[in-house]
Protein backbone atom coordinates (compact mmCIF):
# COMPACT_ATOMS: atom_id res chain seq x y z
CA UNK A 1 -64.57 52.98 27.34
CA UNK A 2 -67.33 55.51 27.99
CA UNK A 3 -65.93 59.06 27.59
CA UNK A 4 -65.69 61.52 30.49
CA UNK A 5 -66.13 58.98 33.30
CA UNK A 6 -63.77 59.70 36.18
CA UNK A 7 -61.70 56.65 37.16
CA UNK A 8 -62.50 54.36 40.09
CA UNK A 9 -66.25 54.69 40.11
CA UNK A 10 -67.97 52.40 42.60
CA UNK A 11 -71.26 50.60 42.02
CA UNK A 12 -73.26 48.78 44.68
CA UNK A 13 -75.53 45.87 43.79
CA UNK A 14 -78.42 45.35 46.23
CA UNK A 15 -80.73 42.35 46.43
CA UNK A 16 -82.33 39.94 48.86
CA UNK A 17 -79.95 37.16 47.78
CA UNK A 18 -76.91 37.12 45.51
CA UNK A 19 -75.98 33.47 45.66
CA UNK A 20 -76.77 30.25 43.84
CA UNK A 21 -78.18 29.82 40.36
CA UNK A 22 -81.46 31.76 40.38
CA UNK A 23 -82.05 34.08 37.45
CA UNK A 24 -81.62 37.32 39.40
CA UNK A 25 -78.22 36.23 40.74
CA UNK A 26 -76.97 35.00 37.38
CA UNK A 27 -77.93 38.21 35.60
CA UNK A 28 -76.33 40.27 38.36
CA UNK A 29 -72.95 38.66 37.66
CA UNK A 30 -73.32 39.46 33.96
CA UNK A 31 -74.13 43.09 34.70
CA UNK A 32 -71.20 43.28 37.10
CA UNK A 33 -68.90 42.07 34.32
CA UNK A 34 -70.01 44.95 32.10
CA UNK A 35 -69.59 47.51 34.88
CA UNK A 36 -66.07 46.23 35.51
CA UNK A 37 -65.30 46.55 31.79
CA UNK A 38 -66.34 50.20 32.04
CA UNK A 39 -63.97 50.96 34.88
CA UNK A 40 -66.22 50.45 37.91
CA UNK A 41 -65.46 48.57 41.09
CA UNK A 42 -68.39 46.40 42.20
CA UNK A 43 -69.72 45.86 45.72
CA UNK A 44 -72.61 43.72 46.95
CA UNK A 45 -75.33 43.98 49.61
CA UNK A 46 -77.77 41.14 50.34
CA UNK A 47 -79.05 38.72 52.95
CA UNK A 48 -77.01 35.90 51.38
CA UNK A 49 -73.80 36.44 49.44
CA UNK A 50 -71.20 34.38 47.60
CA UNK A 51 -68.93 37.32 46.85
CA UNK A 52 -65.47 38.02 48.35
CA UNK A 53 -65.65 39.53 51.86
CA UNK A 54 -63.69 42.60 50.85
CA UNK A 55 -66.46 43.73 48.49
CA UNK A 56 -69.47 42.38 50.40
CA UNK A 57 -71.93 43.67 52.98
CA UNK A 58 -74.11 40.98 54.55
CA UNK A 59 -77.40 42.10 56.10
CA UNK A 60 -79.25 38.99 57.22
CA UNK A 61 -82.65 40.69 57.39
CA UNK A 62 -82.37 41.60 53.72
CA UNK A 63 -83.04 37.93 52.90
CA UNK A 64 -86.65 36.98 52.18
CA UNK A 65 -86.23 33.81 54.23
CA UNK A 66 -85.23 35.56 57.46
CA UNK A 67 -87.80 34.59 60.14
CA UNK A 68 -88.82 38.21 60.80
CA UNK A 69 -89.31 38.88 57.08
CA UNK A 70 -91.31 35.65 56.70
CA UNK A 71 -93.52 36.73 59.62
CA UNK A 72 -94.17 40.09 57.96
CA UNK A 73 -94.87 38.43 54.61
CA UNK A 74 -97.35 35.93 56.04
CA UNK A 75 -99.25 38.70 57.85
CA UNK A 76 -99.41 40.96 54.78
CA UNK A 77 -100.25 38.64 51.88
CA UNK A 78 -103.30 36.43 51.61
CA UNK A 79 -105.08 38.74 54.06
CA UNK A 80 -106.87 42.07 53.72
CA UNK A 81 -106.17 43.55 57.17
CA UNK A 82 -102.88 43.60 59.06
CA UNK A 83 -102.40 44.10 62.74
CA UNK A 84 -100.94 47.32 64.07
CA UNK A 85 -97.97 45.39 65.43
CA UNK A 86 -97.13 44.30 61.88
CA UNK A 87 -97.11 47.93 60.73
CA UNK A 88 -94.80 48.75 63.61
CA UNK A 89 -92.61 45.75 62.83
CA UNK A 90 -92.36 46.72 59.17
CA UNK A 91 -91.13 50.18 60.07
CA UNK A 92 -88.78 48.99 62.80
CA UNK A 93 -87.11 46.47 60.50
CA UNK A 94 -87.13 48.99 57.64
CA UNK A 95 -85.16 51.47 59.73
CA UNK A 96 -82.70 48.75 60.74
CA UNK A 97 -82.12 47.72 57.13
CA UNK A 98 -81.88 51.35 56.06
CA UNK A 99 -79.11 51.95 58.58
CA UNK A 100 -77.21 49.06 57.01
CA UNK A 101 -77.80 50.49 53.53
CA UNK A 102 -76.39 53.86 54.59
CA UNK A 103 -73.36 52.12 56.07
CA UNK A 104 -72.90 50.09 52.87
CA UNK A 105 -72.93 53.24 50.74
CA UNK A 106 -70.52 55.07 53.03
CA UNK A 107 -68.18 52.13 53.59
CA UNK A 108 -67.56 51.59 49.88
CA UNK A 109 -67.99 55.22 48.79
CA UNK A 110 -70.62 54.23 46.23
CA UNK A 111 -71.46 56.40 43.25
CA UNK A 112 -74.27 54.33 41.71
CA UNK A 113 -76.65 51.67 43.03
CA UNK A 114 -78.12 48.77 41.05
CA UNK A 115 -81.17 47.31 42.81
CA UNK A 116 -81.80 43.75 41.66
CA UNK A 117 -85.55 43.03 41.86
CA UNK A 118 -85.92 44.33 45.44
CA UNK A 119 -88.00 47.26 44.13
CA UNK A 120 -90.24 45.04 41.99
CA UNK A 121 -91.28 41.93 43.88
CA UNK A 122 -92.27 42.42 47.56
CA UNK A 123 -90.64 39.36 49.04
CA UNK A 124 -89.03 41.69 51.57
CA UNK A 125 -91.28 44.67 52.28
CA UNK A 126 -88.94 46.47 54.73
CA UNK A 127 -86.05 46.28 52.26
CA UNK A 128 -88.08 47.73 49.39
CA UNK A 129 -89.61 50.50 51.51
CA UNK A 130 -86.25 51.33 53.03
CA UNK A 131 -84.62 51.53 49.62
CA UNK A 132 -87.34 53.85 48.30
CA UNK A 133 -86.89 56.19 51.27
CA UNK A 134 -83.09 56.10 51.08
CA UNK A 135 -83.05 56.91 47.37
CA UNK A 136 -85.38 59.86 47.96
CA UNK A 137 -83.27 61.07 50.88
CA UNK A 138 -79.79 61.04 49.33
CA UNK A 139 -80.45 61.36 45.60
CA UNK A 140 -77.88 58.77 44.57
CA UNK A 141 -78.24 57.58 40.95
CA UNK A 142 -79.93 54.19 40.82
CA UNK A 143 -80.64 51.55 38.20
CA UNK A 144 -83.66 49.48 39.13
CA UNK A 145 -83.22 46.10 37.45
CA UNK A 146 -86.73 44.65 37.66
CA UNK A 147 -87.08 40.95 36.81
CA UNK A 148 -90.73 40.44 37.79
CA UNK A 149 -93.44 42.56 39.39
CA UNK A 150 -95.95 41.81 42.12
CA UNK A 151 -98.93 42.17 39.78
CA UNK A 152 -97.57 39.22 37.76
CA UNK A 153 -97.98 36.84 40.71
CA UNK A 154 -101.42 35.83 41.94
CA UNK A 155 -100.23 35.27 45.50
CA UNK A 156 -99.41 38.97 45.93
CA UNK A 157 -102.75 40.34 44.76
CA UNK A 158 -104.67 39.66 47.97
CA UNK A 159 -102.83 41.77 50.52
CA UNK A 160 -103.07 44.36 53.26
CA UNK A 161 -100.19 46.55 52.05
CA UNK A 162 -101.38 48.29 48.91
CA UNK A 163 -100.04 51.62 50.15
CA UNK A 164 -96.54 50.16 50.39
CA UNK A 165 -96.76 48.40 47.04
CA UNK A 166 -97.81 51.64 45.34
CA UNK A 167 -95.06 53.54 47.12
CA UNK A 168 -92.05 51.29 46.62
CA UNK A 169 -92.61 48.50 44.07
CA UNK A 170 -91.34 50.32 42.10
CA UNK A 171 -91.02 53.89 43.47
CA UNK A 172 -91.61 56.82 41.15
CA UNK A 173 -88.35 58.71 41.69
CA UNK A 174 -86.37 60.72 39.16
CA UNK A 175 -83.03 59.28 40.32
CA UNK A 176 -84.01 55.78 39.21
CA UNK A 177 -83.38 54.49 35.70
CA UNK A 178 -85.75 51.55 35.42
CA UNK A 179 -84.82 48.44 33.45
CA UNK A 180 -87.20 45.55 32.71
CA UNK A 181 -86.47 42.27 30.97
CA UNK A 182 -89.40 41.98 28.58
CA UNK A 183 -91.79 44.11 26.54
CA UNK A 184 -94.88 43.18 28.56
CA UNK A 185 -93.28 44.51 31.74
CA UNK A 186 -92.29 47.68 29.89
CA UNK A 187 -95.90 48.17 28.86
CA UNK A 188 -97.40 47.37 32.25
CA UNK A 189 -95.04 49.42 34.40
CA UNK A 190 -95.78 52.44 32.23
CA UNK A 191 -99.52 51.81 32.25
CA UNK A 192 -99.76 51.13 35.99
CA UNK A 193 -97.27 53.66 37.37
CA UNK A 194 -96.42 56.19 34.65
CA UNK A 195 -92.77 55.12 34.95
CA UNK A 196 -90.73 54.81 31.76
CA UNK A 197 -88.29 51.94 31.43
CA UNK A 198 -85.71 50.36 29.15
CA UNK A 199 -85.98 46.74 28.02
CA UNK A 200 -82.76 44.76 28.46
CA UNK A 201 -83.34 41.02 28.03
CA UNK A 202 -81.39 38.32 29.80
CA UNK A 203 -78.28 37.30 27.88
CA UNK A 204 -75.58 34.65 27.50
CA UNK A 205 -72.04 35.00 26.17
CA UNK A 206 -72.86 33.74 22.68
CA UNK A 207 -69.77 35.42 21.21
CA UNK A 208 -67.76 32.83 23.14
CA UNK A 209 -69.13 29.27 22.80
CA UNK A 210 -68.80 26.98 25.82
CA UNK A 211 -65.64 24.86 26.02
CA UNK A 212 -66.02 21.13 25.37
CA UNK A 213 -66.68 18.91 28.40
CA UNK A 214 -63.57 18.12 30.41
CA UNK A 215 -62.48 15.02 32.31
CA UNK A 216 -64.30 16.10 35.47
CA UNK A 217 -67.66 15.52 33.80
CA UNK A 218 -66.97 12.20 32.09
CA UNK A 219 -69.17 10.35 34.62
CA UNK A 220 -72.10 12.79 34.65
CA UNK A 221 -74.64 10.34 33.26
CA UNK A 222 -73.48 7.60 35.61
CA UNK A 223 -73.59 9.91 38.65
CA UNK A 224 -77.14 10.95 37.71
CA UNK A 225 -78.17 7.32 37.48
CA UNK A 226 -78.76 7.35 33.71
CA UNK A 227 -78.01 4.16 31.82
CA UNK A 228 -76.29 4.20 28.44
CA UNK A 229 -79.52 3.21 26.67
CA UNK A 230 -81.70 5.79 28.47
CA UNK A 231 -82.75 9.23 27.30
CA UNK A 232 -81.46 12.01 29.52
CA UNK A 233 -84.23 14.64 29.70
CA UNK A 234 -83.20 17.71 31.71
CA UNK A 235 -85.67 20.03 33.48
CA UNK A 236 -83.29 22.83 34.58
CA UNK A 237 -85.62 24.64 36.99
CA UNK A 238 -86.81 24.82 40.56
CA UNK A 239 -89.78 22.67 41.57
CA UNK A 240 -92.44 25.38 41.72
CA UNK A 241 -95.91 25.34 40.22
CA UNK A 242 -95.40 27.91 37.48
CA UNK A 243 -92.69 25.71 35.93
CA UNK A 244 -95.40 23.36 34.59
CA UNK A 245 -93.34 20.22 35.19
CA UNK A 246 -96.42 18.04 34.58
CA UNK A 247 -96.04 18.82 30.86
CA UNK A 248 -92.47 17.48 30.87
CA UNK A 249 -93.60 14.33 32.69
CA UNK A 250 -96.42 13.74 30.21
CA UNK A 251 -94.13 14.31 27.23
CA UNK A 252 -91.57 11.81 28.52
CA UNK A 253 -94.33 9.29 29.23
CA UNK A 254 -95.81 9.60 25.74
CA UNK A 255 -92.43 9.12 24.08
CA UNK A 256 -92.68 5.50 25.28
CA UNK A 257 -88.92 5.17 25.57
CA UNK A 258 -86.57 4.29 28.36
CA UNK A 259 -85.81 7.68 29.91
CA UNK A 260 -85.14 9.64 33.06
CA UNK A 261 -86.41 13.15 33.75
CA UNK A 262 -83.75 14.97 35.78
CA UNK A 263 -84.82 18.05 37.76
CA UNK A 264 -81.82 20.17 38.64
CA UNK A 265 -83.06 22.55 41.32
CA UNK A 266 -84.73 22.14 44.69
CA UNK A 267 -88.24 22.76 45.91
CA UNK A 268 -89.03 24.84 48.96
CA UNK A 269 -89.14 28.50 47.88
CA UNK A 270 -92.92 28.21 47.58
CA UNK A 271 -93.52 25.21 49.85
CA UNK A 272 -93.35 21.46 49.30
CA UNK A 273 -96.89 20.74 48.11
CA UNK A 274 -96.02 21.02 44.42
CA UNK A 275 -92.95 18.82 44.91
CA UNK A 276 -95.23 16.08 46.25
CA UNK A 277 -97.57 16.65 43.30
CA UNK A 278 -94.69 16.18 40.83
CA UNK A 279 -93.58 12.95 42.52
CA UNK A 280 -97.11 11.58 42.55
CA UNK A 281 -97.79 12.52 38.93
CA UNK A 282 -94.51 10.94 37.82
CA UNK A 283 -95.50 7.67 39.45
CA UNK A 284 -98.93 7.76 37.87
CA UNK A 285 -97.44 8.42 34.42
CA UNK A 286 -94.73 5.78 34.80
CA UNK A 287 -91.87 8.27 34.49
CA UNK A 288 -88.68 8.00 36.50
CA UNK A 289 -88.11 11.52 37.80
CA UNK A 290 -84.82 12.22 39.56
CA UNK A 291 -84.28 15.20 41.85
CA UNK A 292 -80.57 16.07 41.89
CA UNK A 293 -80.32 19.47 43.59
CA UNK A 294 -77.98 17.88 46.15
CA UNK A 295 -75.27 17.45 43.49
CA UNK A 296 -75.95 20.57 41.39
CA UNK A 297 -74.38 23.80 42.58
CA UNK A 298 -72.96 27.01 41.17
CA UNK A 299 -69.44 25.58 41.52
CA UNK A 300 -67.79 22.19 41.53
CA UNK A 301 -67.26 20.54 44.87
CA UNK A 302 -67.25 17.18 46.64
CA UNK A 303 -69.93 15.98 49.05
CA UNK A 304 -68.98 14.41 52.40
CA UNK A 305 -69.81 10.97 50.97
CA UNK A 306 -67.33 11.50 48.14
CA UNK A 307 -69.81 12.22 45.35
CA UNK A 308 -68.99 14.99 42.92
CA UNK A 309 -70.95 18.23 42.81
CA UNK A 310 -71.54 19.54 39.32
CA UNK A 311 -72.59 22.87 37.86
CA UNK A 312 -75.40 23.21 35.35
CA UNK A 313 -72.68 24.01 32.81
CA UNK A 314 -71.33 20.51 33.44
CA UNK A 315 -74.74 18.90 33.00
CA UNK A 316 -76.18 20.56 29.88
CA UNK A 317 -73.84 19.03 27.27
CA UNK A 318 -74.98 15.51 28.22
CA UNK A 319 -78.74 16.11 27.99
CA UNK A 320 -80.56 14.55 25.05
CA UNK A 321 -83.47 16.97 25.49
CA UNK A 322 -84.21 20.00 27.65
CA UNK A 323 -87.78 20.60 28.81
CA UNK A 324 -88.97 24.09 29.70
CA UNK A 325 -92.77 23.88 29.96
CA UNK A 326 -93.28 26.94 32.17
CA UNK A 327 -96.66 28.59 32.45
CA UNK A 328 -95.05 31.94 33.26
CA UNK A 329 -91.53 33.37 33.17
CA UNK A 330 -90.17 36.90 33.43
CA UNK A 331 -87.83 35.96 30.60
CA UNK A 332 -86.40 32.43 30.68
CA UNK A 333 -82.72 31.87 31.48
CA UNK A 334 -83.02 28.12 30.99
CA UNK A 335 -84.17 28.71 27.41
CA UNK A 336 -80.99 30.64 26.60
CA UNK A 337 -78.83 28.11 28.44
CA UNK A 338 -80.20 25.25 26.35
CA UNK A 339 -79.55 27.25 23.17
CA UNK A 340 -76.03 28.12 24.38
CA UNK A 341 -75.19 24.46 24.90
CA UNK A 342 -76.84 23.53 21.59
CA UNK A 343 -79.44 21.26 23.15
CA UNK A 344 -82.91 20.74 21.61
CA UNK A 345 -85.58 22.21 23.83
CA UNK A 346 -89.31 21.67 24.35
CA UNK A 347 -90.98 24.94 25.37
CA UNK A 348 -94.46 25.79 26.54
CA UNK A 349 -95.74 28.96 24.88
CA UNK A 350 -95.60 31.12 27.99
CA UNK A 351 -96.47 34.73 27.28
CA UNK A 352 -92.97 36.24 27.11
CA UNK A 353 -91.77 33.42 24.88
CA UNK A 354 -94.70 34.05 22.55
CA UNK A 355 -94.30 37.85 22.40
CA UNK A 356 -90.56 38.47 22.74
CA UNK A 357 -88.61 35.28 21.98
CA UNK A 358 -90.49 33.24 19.37
CA UNK A 359 -90.68 36.13 16.85
CA UNK A 360 -86.87 36.16 16.69
CA UNK A 361 -87.10 32.90 14.68
CA UNK A 362 -86.03 30.11 17.01
CA UNK A 363 -86.71 26.48 16.08
CA UNK A 364 -87.99 24.52 19.08
CA UNK A 365 -90.44 21.82 20.11
CA UNK A 366 -93.53 23.77 21.14
CA UNK A 367 -96.18 22.93 23.73
CA UNK A 368 -99.21 25.16 23.45
CA UNK A 369 -100.70 24.71 26.90
CA UNK A 370 -100.89 20.91 26.68
CA UNK A 371 -98.96 18.04 25.10
CA UNK A 372 -100.36 16.92 21.74
CA UNK A 373 -99.55 14.10 19.32
CA UNK A 374 -97.87 16.71 17.12
CA UNK A 375 -95.59 17.66 20.04
CA UNK A 376 -94.70 14.01 20.67
CA UNK A 377 -94.04 13.29 16.98
CA UNK A 378 -91.83 16.38 16.65
CA UNK A 379 -89.86 15.36 19.75
CA UNK A 380 -89.29 11.89 18.32
CA UNK A 381 -88.01 13.37 15.07
CA UNK A 382 -85.61 15.66 16.94
CA UNK A 383 -84.28 12.74 18.96
CA UNK A 384 -83.98 10.33 16.03
CA UNK A 385 -82.80 12.58 13.15
CA UNK A 386 -79.27 13.74 13.94
CA UNK A 387 -79.01 16.02 10.87
CA UNK A 388 -82.31 17.72 11.63
CA UNK A 389 -81.30 18.18 15.28
CA UNK A 390 -77.91 19.64 14.29
CA UNK A 391 -79.52 22.16 11.93
CA UNK A 392 -82.00 23.13 14.64
CA UNK A 393 -79.49 23.79 17.41
CA UNK A 394 -77.02 25.53 15.08
CA UNK A 395 -79.73 27.84 13.78
CA UNK A 396 -80.87 28.63 17.32
CA UNK A 397 -77.35 29.51 18.42
CA UNK A 398 -76.96 32.01 15.59
CA UNK A 399 -80.32 33.63 16.32
CA UNK A 400 -79.46 33.95 20.01
CA UNK A 401 -76.03 35.38 19.18
CA UNK A 402 -77.75 38.18 17.30
CA UNK A 403 -80.41 39.07 19.88
CA UNK A 404 -79.27 37.81 23.31
CA UNK A 405 -75.49 38.11 23.43
CA UNK A 406 -73.29 40.11 25.77
CA UNK A 407 -72.87 42.72 23.05
CA UNK A 408 -76.59 43.53 23.34
CA UNK A 409 -76.28 43.96 27.11
CA UNK A 410 -73.07 45.95 26.75
CA UNK A 411 -74.58 48.43 24.27
CA UNK A 412 -77.76 49.07 26.25
CA UNK A 413 -76.17 49.16 29.67
CA UNK A 414 -73.42 51.54 28.62
CA UNK A 415 -76.08 54.06 27.61
CA UNK A 416 -77.74 53.80 31.02
CA UNK A 417 -74.40 54.01 32.85
CA UNK A 418 -73.56 57.18 30.96
CA UNK A 419 -76.93 58.63 31.90
CA UNK A 420 -76.45 57.75 35.58
CA UNK A 421 -72.93 59.13 35.83
CA UNK A 422 -73.88 62.20 33.88
CA UNK A 423 -76.67 62.86 36.35
CA UNK A 424 -74.26 62.99 39.27
CA UNK A 425 -71.13 64.38 37.73
């Protein structure tokens, strides 16, 4: 335990959404585990929650998909001038959300706040602005856990709200301890804002290997429509453009083997145009691509038609190959998940992989911007040579255990918790 921490400290996690299997949500649960280990009680504020009611505060307008927030977003990004009514709407909704934030803090007698990405990416402008004002007004210690910033996304760069972005994404306030998930973000946030930060990468519980598959999952391949003689290639991501799914489709096509490419998550967060592109490209390349978001969830369940719902944890052990050909990632949870379940993985050399992850010494199938004959040949060797594949995945697990385990998170987060509590008490 951390010395000199009074008992029964309360921490409030704040985000737009804390539900499902997106990276922000998954990392929030890991952080909450560490806080609980250190004697804190955890409470949650968001526009969508999957937490117990007794520790939750639902504010629907905190969600980026709320119609009012979508209206604000569409009138602030992709344009250079906003109407006065949008300015007024931003401030009206900001005050409403801020009232809820004050109530959340008072209701659960919070000592520390952890803001999960809401002060980094402006999906919900009123929430970010309201948080910045609230933190300045009450001086509560805050950890800003920033997963990705607006300047990393092209769609945010043409906008009519630069004054708000400079003010609140992230705000320059002494009460905030800023945490980023990669070294590039650490460099850029310092360069652009003068704010110092701590790098804490995403992690998995590598000290505790996953249990073997149980009886519930014995029909996974059958339920996904994969024949015994087919390769099961898993693309464990949403269907959005930056995931580079075309590379996975091309790789599967060039293997010239009976195979199915299974995409685990849904489209829709950034529109359906890319989803249609992926379907069309699959047909053109002769690849059977299966979209299974209807039976993949964050917990097991049964659909009305009697089909099982699986978690990604259920699915990974059955994959012959994981594809992760992203063009950009803040870190890359799917990379660590594939390593955790000892699956071979094909990775595009996105920038954070190249600068932060690859130097650790992982052994993977690499795509350097496009699929080459070398990539295809290496994939075939991994699939065909069981000894080589075993050495690869075993080596990767040990590397990840050293650099991306819970012990790394625990050590770094405990230092920040001590700093936060020391600031107040």
